Amino acid sequence: MSSHPASPPPSPFRPAPAWLADAVLYQIYPQSFADANGDGVGDFAGITAHLDHLAWLGVNTVWLNPCFASPFRDAGYDVSDYLSVAPRYGTADELAKLVDSAGRLGIRVLLDLVAGHTSDRHPWFRHAIDDPGDHRYIWTGETDGLPERFVRSPGSRPGGYLPNFFDCQPALNFGYAREDPAEPWRQPVDAEGPRANRASLREIMDHWLRLGLAGFRVDMAHSLVKDDPGLHETGKLWAELREWLDRTHPEAALLAEWGDPALSVPAGFHADFFLQFGGPSDGLPLRSLWNNGYGTVHEHWTHRPCYFDAEGGGTAGTFVTAWQSVAAVIGDRGFCVLPTANHDFSRLACGPRTAGQLHAAFAFLLTWPTLPAVYYGDEIGMRYVPDLPDHEGSALGPRYNRAGSRTPMQWDDSPNAGFSTAPADRLYLPPDPDPGRPTVAAQRADDSSLLHLVRRLIALRRTTPELGSRAGVEVLHTGYPLVYVRGGRYLVVVNPRREPAAFAPVRPRLETARPVETSGVTVTDRQITASGFGFGIFGL
């Protein structure tokens, strides 16, 4: 199976910034990364103090979860002022220092742009609840029974508003793709309110980009235009913004939380994530790799064994096929991003899958032709912590509490794992209570640790174009072990199950394979053999 299908049509946009092709992303949940002032909540100064860890690791791009002013009823995804930072994280000057310090280390910083809704505490909304002529949000004036999903107006304005996620997050009005005279709140995409909101998006982006930020990850990017079959009008909206970005900030990157790169990249995003939702199969490609039925689990998901599981009941074919389908559509116009986890989804170390089983996962992540995204702490094998209370809207269902993926970074064996000097009852979330929890300090001191492996793999990827995002891939086997060749020059073997696995290749020259980074894999002219949890990268 080759990665060179027929070329897609040329992009109408300027090529993606050259730096993005070599990006190794690292996601920081700021409230849980490092607390410099001892109040129990992570902050900008804490991140700045630990940039040396990211530089040592080899990360060159950081994405911060929302750090705008917010009442934090959804952990900052409820913005009350897009042009101000949340005081709990520090000041604008401290964010500027973070960005400058990161830049001096060769690290770019992306912000998280919540484009589809605001907090119900945003001044725009506080004005709209008393002004029937305001159309920044989606309102119905009906007073005798609200339409489905609408929430009763909290002000003097009659009727109610449409939320985008939680009730405290009123949807900004970017119009409807289809109008209906029986539903007068369905304004067209070129109405006054939608035009004002598109202009505001440009103003917000311009503000932060002029301060030195490198771009944005856009939250719920697919959700802007309502009742939009095929998301065509939503795509036009982002294409308009991309054209503006190409003219005004050509080195900035725009990443989508869309979960469907085949739609989002042609629409104008430089990259999109494989996510636990989105796309033709509702996030199945990512879940088929990592989701072992523990941690964050939606009740409507059909459970099937994932590939990276000790029992070995999955297949890499689900992901590989999905990736090939996407690659055929987007070609060189943009990128897919493959994350280890995120703030909404379980960590790699989850349930029975321990940190000791993750080496093969990182060997795959850092040699596959997607942009790799490491969620903070995954580089040391931090685990999803079960049985935490709902915190800042973290619980989405009986088996879906995002708090378990948001616990404090584990720096060392001091109190609170080195995250904060605050008393335990003031911490944003409690650290992992496991006395054997991994730490950065312990793994830095151990050359055989997961952390050192991740560092070596990042360095190998960054110095070896054949292992990067643009080189081809030839997949030889999608069972156990997963076997593929990158750029015609590197053989990669990954066996994430407990039992050994073997594959007999029908390909010449494998007997000359030269070990580059291996653990438990042997290659002969007739057979590739991988021990349990083994992996190998070989030069050909």
Protein backbone atom coordinates (compact mmCIF):
# COMPACT_ATOMS: atom_id res chain seq x y z
CA MET A 1 0.00 0.00 0.00
CA SER A 2 1.65 3.23 -1.17
CA SER A 3 1.08 6.83 -0.11
CA HIS A 4 1.24 8.23 -3.66
CA PRO A 5 -2.35 8.34 -5.03
CA ALA A 6 -3.39 10.63 -7.87
CA SER A 7 -2.66 14.27 -7.07
CA PRO A 8 -5.56 16.37 -5.78
CA PRO A 9 -6.38 19.67 -7.51
CA PRO A 10 -4.04 22.58 -6.69
CA SER A 11 -4.85 24.69 -3.66
CA PRO A 12 -6.18 28.23 -4.15
CA PHE A 13 -4.25 29.28 -1.05
CA ARG A 14 -0.69 30.28 -0.39
CA PRO A 15 1.42 27.23 0.59
CA ALA A 16 1.54 26.42 4.29
CA PRO A 17 4.39 28.09 6.21
CA ALA A 18 7.54 26.07 5.64
CA TRP A 19 8.12 25.59 9.37
CA LEU A 20 4.88 23.67 9.81
CA ALA A 21 6.07 20.61 7.87
CA ASP A 22 8.70 19.99 10.55
CA ALA A 23 6.52 20.82 13.55
CA VAL A 24 6.56 18.60 16.61
CA LEU A 25 3.61 19.90 18.60
CA TYR A 26 3.29 19.86 22.37
CA GLN A 27 -0.06 20.67 23.95
CA ILE A 28 -0.02 22.49 27.29
CA TYR A 29 -3.11 22.65 29.48
CA PRO A 30 -1.90 25.81 31.26
CA GLN A 31 -3.74 25.39 34.54
CA SER A 32 -2.03 22.03 35.11
CA PHE A 33 1.50 22.47 33.74
CA ALA A 34 3.45 24.52 36.29
CA ASP A 35 2.41 26.96 39.02
CA ALA A 36 5.01 29.68 39.62
CA ASN A 37 3.17 31.83 42.17
CA GLY A 38 1.95 29.08 44.48
CA ASP A 39 -1.80 29.66 44.13
CA GLY A 40 -2.48 26.10 42.96
CA VAL A 41 -3.17 26.94 39.33
CA GLY A 42 -0.61 26.74 36.54
CA ASP A 43 0.40 30.00 34.89
CA PHE A 44 2.45 31.66 32.16
CA ALA A 45 5.46 32.14 34.41
CA GLY A 46 5.41 28.43 35.25
CA ILE A 47 5.44 27.51 31.59
CA THR A 48 8.29 29.94 30.93
CA ALA A 49 10.30 28.41 33.78
CA HIS A 50 9.99 24.96 32.17
CA LEU A 51 10.68 25.84 28.54
CA ASP A 52 14.09 24.22 28.98
CA HIS A 53 12.30 20.86 29.30
CA LEU A 54 10.58 21.38 25.94
CA ALA A 55 13.76 22.57 24.25
CA TRP A 56 15.68 19.56 25.62
CA LEU A 57 12.92 17.25 24.42
CA GLY A 58 13.10 18.73 20.92
CA VAL A 59 9.62 20.25 20.73
CA ASN A 60 9.39 23.23 18.38
CA THR A 61 5.69 24.18 18.53
CA VAL A 62 3.50 24.64 21.62
CA TRP A 63 -0.29 24.89 21.66
CA LEU A 64 -1.83 26.45 24.78
CA ASN A 65 -5.41 25.68 25.73
CA PRO A 66 -7.52 28.86 26.07
CA CYS A 67 -5.94 31.48 28.29
CA PHE A 68 -8.37 34.35 27.62
CA ALA A 69 -10.49 35.97 30.32
CA SER A 70 -13.23 33.54 31.35
CA PRO A 71 -15.53 32.51 34.22
CA PHE A 72 -14.16 28.98 33.62
CA ARG A 73 -17.40 27.05 33.54
CA ASP A 74 -15.84 25.03 30.70
CA ALA A 75 -12.16 25.35 31.62
CA GLY A 76 -11.66 28.50 29.55
CA TYR A 77 -13.64 27.47 26.50
CA ASP A 78 -16.18 30.04 27.65
CA VAL A 79 -14.46 33.31 26.75
CA SER A 80 -15.55 36.61 28.28
CA ASP A 81 -12.87 38.76 26.58
CA TYR A 82 -10.84 37.62 23.58
CA LEU A 83 -8.30 40.44 23.90
CA SER A 84 -7.40 39.94 27.58
CA VAL A 85 -5.67 37.07 29.34
CA ALA A 86 -7.20 35.36 32.36
CA PRO A 87 -5.68 36.83 35.53
CA ARG A 88 -5.18 33.38 37.02
CA TYR A 89 -2.54 32.73 34.34
CA GLY A 90 -0.77 36.06 34.80
CA THR A 91 -0.53 39.24 32.78
CA ALA A 92 -0.25 40.09 29.10
CA ASP A 93 3.39 40.98 29.75
CA GLU A 94 3.99 37.51 31.19
CA LEU A 95 2.45 35.92 28.11
CA ALA A 96 4.67 38.13 25.94
CA LYS A 97 7.70 37.01 27.95
CA LEU A 98 6.66 33.38 27.46
CA VAL A 99 6.35 33.85 23.70
CA ASP A 100 9.67 35.71 23.49
CA SER A 101 11.52 33.19 25.66
CA ALA A 102 10.10 30.31 23.63
CA GLY A 103 11.11 31.99 20.39
CA ARG A 104 14.69 32.31 21.60
CA LEU A 105 14.67 28.52 22.02
CA GLY A 106 13.22 27.92 18.56
CA ILE A 107 9.73 27.20 19.88
CA ARG A 108 6.61 28.77 18.35
CA VAL A 109 3.46 29.29 20.43
CA LEU A 110 -0.12 28.79 19.22
CA LEU A 111 -3.21 29.97 21.06
CA ASP A 112 -6.57 28.21 21.21
CA LEU A 113 -9.24 30.29 19.46
CA VAL A 114 -12.82 29.60 20.58
CA ALA A 115 -14.54 30.79 17.42
CA GLY A 116 -18.09 29.45 17.61
CA HIS A 117 -19.31 30.79 20.93
CA THR A 118 -18.55 33.03 23.87
CA SER A 119 -19.27 32.91 27.57
CA ASP A 120 -22.65 34.17 28.66
CA ARG A 121 -20.58 36.72 30.61
CA HIS A 122 -19.07 38.26 27.48
CA PRO A 123 -20.05 41.93 27.05
CA TRP A 124 -21.46 41.11 23.62
CA PHE A 125 -23.94 38.72 25.20
CA ARG A 126 -24.72 40.93 28.18
CA HIS A 127 -25.75 43.61 25.67
CA ALA A 128 -27.66 41.20 23.43
CA ILE A 129 -29.92 39.91 26.22
CA ASP A 130 -31.53 43.36 26.43
CA ASP A 131 -31.43 44.42 22.77
CA PRO A 132 -33.76 42.63 20.33
CA GLY A 133 -31.92 44.35 17.47
CA ASP A 134 -28.59 42.72 18.28
CA HIS A 135 -27.72 39.78 16.01
CA ARG A 136 -24.31 38.63 17.23
CA TYR A 137 -26.02 35.52 18.62
CA ILE A 138 -28.84 33.28 17.41
CA TRP A 139 -32.11 34.35 19.01
CA THR A 140 -35.74 33.44 18.73
CA GLY A 141 -38.32 35.92 19.92
CA GLU A 142 -40.90 33.25 20.64
CA THR A 143 -42.26 33.32 24.16
CA ASP A 144 -44.76 30.46 24.04
CA GLY A 145 -42.44 27.48 24.18
CA LEU A 146 -38.87 27.69 22.95
CA PRO A 147 -37.64 25.67 19.96
CA GLU A 148 -35.57 22.61 20.74
CA ARG A 149 -32.11 23.36 22.25
CA PHE A 150 -32.84 27.06 22.81
CA VAL A 151 -32.30 28.50 26.29
CA ARG A 152 -34.56 31.08 27.92
CA SER A 153 -33.26 34.66 27.71
CA PRO A 154 -31.71 35.81 31.00
CA GLY A 155 -32.46 39.48 30.19
CA SER A 156 -35.36 41.67 29.11
CA ARG A 157 -35.17 40.42 25.55
CA PRO A 158 -38.02 37.96 24.91
CA GLY A 159 -37.45 34.41 23.72
CA GLY A 160 -34.16 32.60 23.99
CA TYR A 161 -30.75 31.91 22.50
CA LEU A 162 -29.04 28.89 20.95
CA PRO A 163 -26.05 27.49 22.89
CA ASN A 164 -23.12 25.92 21.05
CA PHE A 165 -22.13 23.41 23.75
CA PHE A 166 -23.04 24.08 27.38
CA ASP A 167 -25.89 26.49 28.11
CA CYS A 168 -23.32 29.03 29.35
CA GLN A 169 -21.78 29.13 25.83
CA PRO A 170 -24.17 31.00 23.50
CA ALA A 171 -23.48 30.31 19.83
CA LEU A 172 -22.18 33.21 17.83
CA ASN A 173 -24.30 33.88 14.76
CA PHE A 174 -22.46 32.95 11.57
CA GLY A 175 -25.74 32.33 9.81
CA TYR A 176 -27.56 29.28 8.52
CA ALA A 177 -26.83 27.51 5.27
CA ARG A 178 -30.57 26.91 4.80
CA GLU A 179 -33.27 29.43 5.64
CA ASP A 180 -36.80 28.53 6.69
CA PRO A 181 -39.63 31.12 6.90
CA ALA A 182 -41.09 29.16 9.82
CA GLU A 183 -37.84 29.68 11.76
CA PRO A 184 -37.00 33.39 11.45
CA TRP A 185 -33.87 33.09 13.58
CA ARG A 186 -32.19 31.38 10.61
CA GLN A 187 -30.34 34.35 9.15
CA PRO A 188 -28.32 33.96 5.93
CA VAL A 189 -24.54 33.84 6.16
CA ASP A 190 -24.23 37.34 4.67
CA ALA A 191 -26.58 39.01 7.16
CA GLU A 192 -25.33 41.81 9.40
CA GLY A 193 -24.69 39.65 12.48
CA PRO A 194 -22.66 36.97 10.66
CA ARG A 195 -20.63 39.65 8.83
CA ALA A 196 -19.82 41.36 12.14
CA ASN A 197 -18.69 38.09 13.69
CA ARG A 198 -16.43 37.25 10.75
CA ALA A 199 -14.87 40.70 11.07
CA SER A 200 -14.38 40.14 14.81
CA LEU A 201 -12.57 36.87 14.16
CA ARG A 202 -10.12 38.72 11.93
CA GLU A 203 -9.62 41.43 14.54
CA ILE A 204 -8.98 38.89 17.33
CA MET A 205 -6.54 36.89 15.23
CA ASP A 206 -4.74 40.02 14.06
CA HIS A 207 -4.37 41.27 17.65
CA TRP A 208 -2.57 38.16 18.87
CA LEU A 209 -0.53 37.53 15.74
CA ARG A 210 0.87 41.07 15.92
CA LEU A 211 2.05 40.25 19.45
CA GLY A 212 4.18 37.38 18.18
CA LEU A 213 1.93 34.34 18.42
CA ALA A 214 2.50 31.84 15.61
CA GLY A 215 -1.12 30.92 14.92
CA PHE A 216 -4.17 29.22 16.35
CA ARG A 217 -5.80 25.91 17.00
CA VAL A 218 -9.50 26.63 16.39
CA ASP A 219 -11.98 25.04 18.77
CA MET A 220 -15.06 23.39 17.25
CA ALA A 221 -14.11 24.83 13.86
CA HIS A 222 -16.84 22.83 12.11
CA SER A 223 -19.65 24.32 14.21
CA LEU A 224 -19.94 27.90 12.96
CA VAL A 225 -22.57 27.92 10.21
CA LYS A 226 -25.68 26.06 11.32
CA ASP A 227 -27.73 23.46 9.37
CA ASP A 228 -24.91 23.24 6.84
CA PRO A 229 -25.08 19.97 4.86
CA GLY A 230 -21.59 18.98 3.83
CA LEU A 231 -20.30 21.98 5.80
CA HIS A 232 -19.97 23.91 2.54
CA GLU A 233 -20.82 27.33 3.99
CA THR A 234 -18.59 26.71 6.99
CA GLY A 235 -15.83 25.86 4.53
CA LYS A 236 -16.40 29.11 2.62
CA LEU A 237 -16.14 31.06 5.87
CA TRP A 238 -12.75 29.54 6.70
CA ALA A 239 -11.56 29.96 3.10
CA GLU A 240 -12.30 33.68 3.40
CA LEU A 241 -10.33 33.84 6.65
CA ARG A 242 -7.45 31.86 5.16
CA GLU A 243 -7.23 34.25 2.20
CA TRP A 244 -7.03 37.15 4.65
CA LEU A 245 -4.41 35.31 6.71
CA ASP A 246 -2.32 34.59 3.60
CA ARG A 247 -2.26 38.32 2.81
CA THR A 248 -1.65 39.70 6.28
CA HIS A 249 0.17 36.98 8.26
CA PRO A 250 1.60 34.48 5.76
CA GLU A 251 3.82 32.77 8.35
CA ALA A 252 0.92 32.05 10.73
CA ALA A 253 -0.63 28.59 11.00
CA LEU A 254 -4.29 27.70 11.35
CA LEU A 255 -5.07 24.28 12.86
CA ALA A 256 -8.60 22.93 13.16
CA GLU A 257 -10.44 21.02 15.79
CA TRP A 258 -12.64 19.53 13.10
CA GLY A 259 -11.62 15.88 12.99
CA ASP A 260 -12.01 15.64 9.23
CA PRO A 261 -8.89 16.83 7.36
CA ALA A 262 -10.43 15.88 4.02
CA LEU A 263 -12.91 18.73 4.54
CA SER A 264 -11.04 21.20 6.73
CA VAL A 265 -7.75 21.39 4.79
CA PRO A 266 -9.37 22.14 1.40
CA ALA A 267 -11.48 24.72 3.26
CA GLY A 268 -8.37 26.63 4.29
CA PHE A 269 -6.88 25.10 7.41
CA HIS A 270 -3.21 24.29 7.28
CA ALA A 271 -3.78 21.18 9.38
CA ASP A 272 -6.46 19.24 11.22
CA PHE A 273 -6.34 16.60 13.92
CA PHE A 274 -7.42 13.01 13.89
CA LEU A 275 -9.77 13.18 16.87
CA GLN A 276 -12.06 10.97 18.94
CA PHE A 277 -14.92 12.44 16.90
CA GLY A 278 -15.39 13.79 13.38
CA GLY A 279 -15.03 12.49 9.86
CA PRO A 280 -17.01 9.80 8.05
CA SER A 281 -16.75 7.32 10.95
CA ASP A 282 -17.07 9.68 13.95
CA GLY A 283 -13.46 9.51 15.11
CA LEU A 284 -12.97 5.79 14.65
CA PRO A 285 -9.48 6.07 13.06
CA LEU A 286 -7.97 7.64 16.20
CA ARG A 287 -9.98 5.48 18.58
CA SER A 288 -8.92 2.38 16.66
CA LEU A 289 -5.35 3.18 17.69
CA TRP A 290 -5.64 4.33 21.32
CA ASN A 291 -9.11 3.86 22.84
CA ASN A 292 -9.03 0.75 25.05
CA GLY A 293 -12.46 1.29 26.66
CA TYR A 294 -11.13 2.95 29.79
CA GLY A 295 -10.99 6.62 30.72
CA THR A 296 -13.12 8.82 28.47
CA VAL A 297 -15.80 6.68 26.81
CA HIS A 298 -18.94 7.94 25.10
CA GLU A 299 -21.91 5.65 25.53
CA HIS A 300 -22.72 5.75 21.80
CA TRP A 301 -19.30 4.48 20.72
CA THR A 302 -19.24 0.89 19.50
CA HIS A 303 -16.39 -0.69 21.40
CA ARG A 304 -13.87 -2.66 19.41
CA PRO A 305 -10.31 -3.61 20.38
CA CYS A 306 -7.76 -0.91 19.65
CA TYR A 307 -4.45 -1.65 17.99
CA PHE A 308 -2.21 -0.39 20.79
CA ASP A 309 -3.40 -2.88 23.34
CA ALA A 310 -1.54 -5.67 25.11
CA GLU A 311 -4.13 -8.28 24.12
CA GLY A 312 -3.46 -7.73 20.43
CA GLY A 313 -7.05 -7.83 19.23
CA GLY A 314 -6.99 -4.77 16.99
CA THR A 315 -5.72 -3.82 13.57
CA ALA A 316 -3.78 -0.83 12.32
CA GLY A 317 -5.69 -1.14 9.07
CA THR A 318 -8.59 1.06 10.21
CA PHE A 319 -6.29 4.01 10.81
CA VAL A 320 -4.03 3.35 7.82
CA THR A 321 -6.97 3.18 5.41
CA ALA A 322 -8.47 6.39 6.81
CA TRP A 323 -5.14 8.18 6.60
CA GLN A 324 -4.61 7.05 3.00
CA SER A 325 -8.08 8.29 2.08
CA VAL A 326 -7.36 11.69 3.62
CA ALA A 327 -3.88 11.91 2.08
CA ALA A 328 -5.39 11.31 -1.37
CA VAL A 329 -7.63 14.36 -0.89
CA ILE A 330 -5.27 16.87 0.70
CA GLY A 331 -1.96 15.92 -0.93
CA ASP A 332 0.62 18.64 -0.21
CA ARG A 333 -2.00 21.28 0.58
CA GLY A 334 -1.85 20.71 4.33
CA PHE A 335 -1.29 18.22 7.11
CA CYS A 336 -2.98 15.72 9.38
CA VAL A 337 -2.06 15.88 13.06
CA LEU A 338 -1.93 12.71 15.16
CA PRO A 339 -2.11 13.37 18.93
CA THR A 340 -1.13 11.08 21.77
CA ALA A 341 -4.16 12.42 23.66
CA ASN A 342 -5.70 15.77 24.49
CA HIS A 343 -7.62 17.59 27.23
CA ASP A 344 -10.85 15.93 26.06
CA PHE A 345 -9.65 12.36 25.57
CA SER A 346 -7.86 9.68 27.59
CA ARG A 347 -4.09 9.64 27.87
CA LEU A 348 -2.09 6.84 26.27
CA ALA A 349 -1.45 5.34 29.73
CA CYS A 350 -5.02 4.47 30.63
CA GLY A 351 -6.60 1.54 32.43
CA PRO A 352 -4.45 -1.58 32.02
CA ARG A 353 -2.15 0.10 29.45
CA THR A 354 0.83 1.25 31.47
CA ALA A 355 3.70 3.61 30.75
CA GLY A 356 5.93 0.61 30.09
CA GLN A 357 3.80 -0.27 27.07
CA LEU A 358 4.09 3.11 25.35
CA HIS A 359 7.48 2.83 23.66
CA ALA A 360 5.97 1.24 20.56
CA ALA A 361 3.26 3.90 20.43
CA PHE A 362 5.82 6.70 20.32
CA ALA A 363 7.90 4.84 17.73
CA PHE A 364 4.79 4.84 15.54
CA LEU A 365 3.73 8.42 16.32
CA LEU A 366 7.13 9.88 15.50
CA THR A 367 7.74 7.94 12.28
CA TRP A 368 4.31 8.16 10.63
CA PRO A 369 3.74 10.92 8.00
CA THR A 370 1.42 13.00 10.15
CA LEU A 371 2.40 15.92 12.36
CA PRO A 372 2.95 14.46 15.85
CA ALA A 373 1.29 16.15 18.84
CA VAL A 374 2.41 15.18 22.33
CA TYR A 375 -0.01 15.98 25.15
CA TYR A 376 1.85 17.30 28.19
CA GLY A 377 3.08 14.49 30.42
CA ASP A 378 2.58 11.74 27.86
CA GLU A 379 6.32 11.86 27.19
CA ILE A 380 6.84 10.36 30.65
CA GLY A 381 3.77 8.12 30.59
CA MET A 382 1.48 10.09 32.91
CA ARG A 383 -1.74 8.15 33.28
CA TYR A 384 -5.41 9.00 33.02
CA VAL A 385 -6.48 9.32 36.67
CA PRO A 386 -9.95 7.79 37.24
CA ASP A 387 -12.66 8.69 39.73
CA LEU A 388 -12.09 12.45 39.93
CA PRO A 389 -15.01 14.82 40.57
CA ASP A 390 -16.43 17.04 37.87
CA HIS A 391 -14.28 20.16 37.65
CA GLU A 392 -14.95 23.19 35.45
CA GLY A 393 -17.36 21.21 33.28
CA SER A 394 -15.06 18.22 32.83
CA ALA A 395 -17.76 15.52 33.08
CA LEU A 396 -19.65 14.93 29.83
CA GLY A 397 -21.28 11.61 30.68
CA PRO A 398 -21.32 8.74 33.16
CA ARG A 399 -18.08 7.33 31.70
CA TYR A 400 -16.64 10.51 30.25
CA ASN A 401 -14.82 12.73 32.76
CA ARG A 402 -12.09 14.78 31.13
CA ALA A 403 -10.53 15.68 34.49
CA GLY A 404 -8.56 12.43 34.43
CA SER A 405 -6.50 13.76 31.52
CA ARG A 406 -5.98 17.18 33.11
CA THR A 407 -4.07 16.41 36.32
CA PRO A 408 -0.88 18.32 37.25
CA MET A 409 2.35 17.74 35.39
CA GLN A 410 4.67 15.45 37.34
CA TRP A 411 8.04 17.17 37.52
CA ASP A 412 9.73 15.48 40.46
CA ASP A 413 9.14 13.65 43.75
CA SER A 414 8.59 16.78 45.84
CA PRO A 415 5.11 17.60 47.22
CA ASN A 416 2.46 17.97 44.52
CA ALA A 417 4.90 16.32 42.09
CA GLY A 418 6.70 19.64 41.78
CA PHE A 419 3.72 21.29 40.12
CA SER A 420 2.93 23.79 42.89
CA THR A 421 3.86 24.78 46.43
CA ALA A 422 0.19 25.41 47.27
CA PRO A 423 -1.61 23.35 49.91
CA ALA A 424 -3.23 20.24 48.45
CA ASP A 425 -6.75 21.63 48.88
CA ARG A 426 -5.94 24.62 46.66
CA LEU A 427 -4.62 22.71 43.66
CA TYR A 428 -6.48 22.97 40.37
CA LEU A 429 -6.72 19.17 40.40
CA PRO A 430 -4.99 16.63 42.63
CA PRO A 431 -1.87 14.99 41.24
CA ASP A 432 -1.84 11.28 40.47
CA PRO A 433 -1.90 9.59 43.91
CA ASP A 434 0.07 6.55 42.70
CA PRO A 435 3.34 6.49 44.69
CA GLY A 436 5.06 5.03 41.63
CA ARG A 437 3.96 7.84 39.33
CA PRO A 438 6.56 8.78 36.69
CA THR A 439 8.35 12.13 36.90
CA VAL A 440 10.48 14.19 34.56
CA ALA A 441 13.37 14.27 37.04
CA ALA A 442 13.51 10.50 37.48
CA GLN A 443 13.29 9.83 33.76
CA ARG A 444 15.86 12.48 32.88
CA ALA A 445 18.27 10.53 35.11
CA ASP A 446 17.52 7.23 33.35
CA ASP A 447 18.79 6.87 29.79
CA SER A 448 16.52 3.84 29.27
CA SER A 449 13.34 5.77 30.17
CA LEU A 450 10.39 6.59 27.93
CA LEU A 451 11.35 10.26 28.12
CA HIS A 452 14.79 9.64 26.67
CA LEU A 453 13.31 7.46 23.95
CA VAL A 454 10.85 10.19 22.97
CA ARG A 455 13.72 12.68 22.84
CA ARG A 456 15.80 10.41 20.60
CA LEU A 457 12.83 9.74 18.31
CA ILE A 458 12.07 13.46 17.96
CA ALA A 459 15.73 14.15 17.14
CA LEU A 460 15.74 11.32 14.61
CA ARG A 461 12.59 12.63 12.94
CA ARG A 462 13.89 16.20 12.78
CA THR A 463 17.20 15.16 11.22
CA THR A 464 15.81 12.52 8.85
CA PRO A 465 13.53 13.89 6.10
CA GLU A 466 12.45 10.36 5.16
CA LEU A 467 10.75 10.04 8.59
CA GLY A 468 8.98 13.40 8.37
CA SER A 469 5.57 14.56 7.26
CA ARG A 470 6.27 14.85 3.52
CA ALA A 471 8.10 11.62 2.68
CA GLY A 472 6.23 8.63 1.29
CA VAL A 473 5.19 5.53 3.19
CA GLU A 474 4.81 1.97 1.93
CA VAL A 475 2.74 -0.16 4.31
CA LEU A 476 3.75 -3.81 4.26
CA HIS A 477 1.57 -5.19 7.08
CA THR A 478 -1.23 -3.77 9.26
CA GLY A 479 -1.58 -6.69 11.67
CA TYR A 480 0.92 -7.52 14.40
CA PRO A 481 3.55 -6.30 13.85
CA LEU A 482 2.77 -3.12 11.90
CA VAL A 483 5.47 -2.85 9.23
CA TYR A 484 6.12 0.06 6.87
CA VAL A 485 8.91 1.71 4.91
CA ARG A 486 9.44 5.48 4.97
CA GLY A 487 10.92 7.33 2.06
CA GLY A 488 12.23 4.09 0.61
CA ARG A 489 15.06 4.15 3.11
CA TYR A 490 13.77 3.36 6.60
CA LEU A 491 11.96 0.26 7.81
CA VAL A 492 9.69 0.68 10.85
CA VAL A 493 8.34 -2.25 12.86
CA VAL A 494 5.87 -1.79 15.73
CA ASN A 495 4.39 -4.53 17.94
CA PRO A 496 2.19 -3.08 20.70
CA ARG A 497 0.85 -6.41 21.94
CA ARG A 498 2.17 -8.55 24.79
CA GLU A 499 2.90 -11.60 22.63
CA PRO A 500 5.69 -11.74 20.05
CA ALA A 501 4.73 -11.21 16.43
CA ALA A 502 6.34 -12.07 13.10
CA PHE A 503 5.93 -11.11 9.47
CA ALA A 504 7.49 -12.62 6.35
CA PRO A 505 8.07 -9.75 3.91
CA VAL A 506 8.03 -10.11 0.15
CA ARG A 507 10.49 -7.32 -0.40
CA PRO A 508 14.17 -7.30 -1.32
CA ARG A 509 17.02 -5.68 0.62
CA LEU A 510 15.51 -6.09 4.09
CA GLU A 511 18.38 -8.39 5.02
CA THR A 512 20.65 -5.33 4.85
CA ALA A 513 18.57 -3.46 7.43
CA ARG A 514 20.76 -1.42 9.78
CA PRO A 515 19.40 -0.85 13.32
CA VAL A 516 18.84 2.84 14.12
CA GLU A 517 16.57 2.71 17.18
CA THR A 518 15.35 -0.73 18.17
CA SER A 519 14.00 -2.75 21.06
CA GLY A 520 13.25 -6.44 20.60
CA VAL A 521 13.06 -6.55 16.78
CA THR A 522 15.17 -8.67 14.45
CA VAL A 523 15.17 -8.55 10.66
CA THR A 524 16.47 -11.25 8.32
CA ASP A 525 16.02 -11.81 4.61
CA ARG A 526 13.04 -14.05 5.33
CA GLN A 527 11.35 -12.78 8.49
CA ILE A 528 10.77 -9.82 10.76
CA THR A 529 10.31 -10.83 14.39
CA ALA A 530 9.20 -8.49 17.19
CA SER A 531 9.05 -9.31 20.87
CA GLY A 532 6.11 -8.18 22.97
CA PHE A 533 5.91 -4.35 23.01
CA GLY A 534 8.89 -4.29 20.66
CA PHE A 535 9.67 -1.72 18.00
CA GLY A 536 12.42 -1.04 15.55
CA ILE A 537 13.61 1.60 13.08
CA PHE A 538 16.13 0.37 10.55
CA GLY A 539 18.04 2.02 7.74
CA LEU A 540 17.87 0.26 4.40
